[in-house]
């Protein structure tokens, strides 16, 4: 499987045969359970930090697209004359 020995305990699959649907489903559930144990919800401060970053990104993209549209609306009518 992999060269990391610490992950061998999570692999219940024999490398010679492919797992069936039930075995793959149980392995998926085990992995999902392990991830949900580790995961945590962001606190209010982290949430608002992500909200601010996304808002700033949206404003920058909007301003950039406005400037590009303004440049093309000014230069293209002059070029067509």
Protein backbone atom coordinates (compact mmCIF):
# COMPACT_ATOMS: atom_id res chain seq x y z
CA UNK A 1 0.00 0.00 0.00
CA UNK A 2 2.13 2.92 1.15
CA UNK A 3 5.57 3.15 2.64
CA UNK A 4 4.28 4.76 5.83
CA UNK A 5 3.97 2.11 8.53
CA UNK A 6 1.64 4.14 10.74
CA UNK A 7 -1.13 4.02 8.13
CA UNK A 8 -1.09 0.26 7.78
CA UNK A 9 -3.43 -0.16 10.74
CA UNK A 10 -6.15 1.82 8.93
CA UNK A 11 -5.99 -0.35 5.83
CA UNK A 12 -8.17 -3.41 6.20
CA UNK A 13 -7.85 -4.23 2.52
CA UNK A 14 -5.79 -7.15 1.31
CA UNK A 15 -3.70 -5.90 -1.62
CA UNK A 16 -4.21 -9.05 -3.69
CA UNK A 17 -7.99 -8.85 -4.00
CA UNK A 18 -10.25 -5.90 -4.67
CA UNK A 19 -12.71 -5.03 -1.90
CA UNK A 20 -16.39 -5.53 -2.45
CA UNK A 21 -19.03 -2.86 -2.26
CA UNK A 22 -19.81 -3.54 1.41
CA UNK A 23 -16.13 -3.43 2.38
CA UNK A 24 -15.57 -0.19 0.51
CA UNK A 25 -18.62 1.33 2.17
CA UNK A 26 -17.46 0.32 5.66
CA UNK A 27 -13.98 1.69 4.98
CA UNK A 28 -15.55 4.94 3.80
CA UNK A 29 -17.63 5.18 6.96
CA UNK A 30 -14.57 4.52 9.14
CA UNK A 31 -12.63 7.25 7.36
CA UNK A 32 -15.55 9.68 7.59
CA UNK A 33 -15.91 8.96 11.30
CA UNK A 34 -12.20 9.60 11.84
CA UNK A 35 -12.36 12.91 9.94
CA UNK A 36 -15.42 14.09 11.86
CA UNK A 37 -13.65 13.38 15.14
CA UNK A 38 -10.76 15.60 14.10
CA UNK A 39 -12.81 18.39 12.47
CA UNK A 40 -14.12 21.32 14.46
CA UNK A 41 -16.35 24.28 13.70
CA UNK A 42 -14.71 27.67 13.28
CA UNK A 43 -15.35 30.15 16.02
CA UNK A 44 -16.93 33.55 15.41
CA UNK A 45 -13.59 35.31 14.90
CA UNK A 46 -12.43 32.83 12.25
CA UNK A 47 -15.79 32.95 10.47
CA UNK A 48 -15.74 36.73 10.18
CA UNK A 49 -12.12 36.67 9.01
CA UNK A 50 -13.07 34.35 6.14
CA UNK A 51 -16.13 36.53 5.45
CA UNK A 52 -13.95 39.66 5.25
CA UNK A 53 -11.40 37.98 2.95
CA UNK A 54 -14.15 36.78 0.59
CA UNK A 55 -15.79 40.21 0.60
CA UNK A 56 -12.51 41.95 -0.19
CA UNK A 57 -11.87 39.47 -3.01
CA UNK A 58 -15.32 40.06 -4.50
CA UNK A 59 -14.82 43.84 -4.33
CA UNK A 60 -11.39 43.63 -5.98
CA UNK A 61 -12.71 41.43 -8.79
CA UNK A 62 -15.69 43.73 -9.31
CA UNK A 63 -13.50 46.82 -9.43
CA UNK A 64 -11.08 45.12 -11.83
CA UNK A 65 -13.87 44.06 -14.17
CA UNK A 66 -15.36 47.58 -14.05
CA UNK A 67 -12.02 49.14 -14.98
CA UNK A 68 -11.52 46.67 -17.84
CA UNK A 69 -15.05 47.32 -19.12
CA UNK A 70 -14.49 51.08 -18.85
CA UNK A 71 -11.22 50.88 -20.78
CA UNK A 72 -12.78 48.84 -23.58
CA UNK A 73 -15.89 51.02 -23.78
CA UNK A 74 -13.72 54.13 -24.19
CA UNK A 75 -11.11 52.71 -26.59
CA UNK A 76 -13.22 50.56 -28.92
CA UNK A 77 -15.52 53.32 -30.25
CA UNK A 78 -12.43 55.42 -31.06
CA UNK A 79 -10.75 52.51 -32.85
CA UNK A 80 -13.82 51.90 -35.06
CA UNK A 81 -13.88 55.45 -36.46
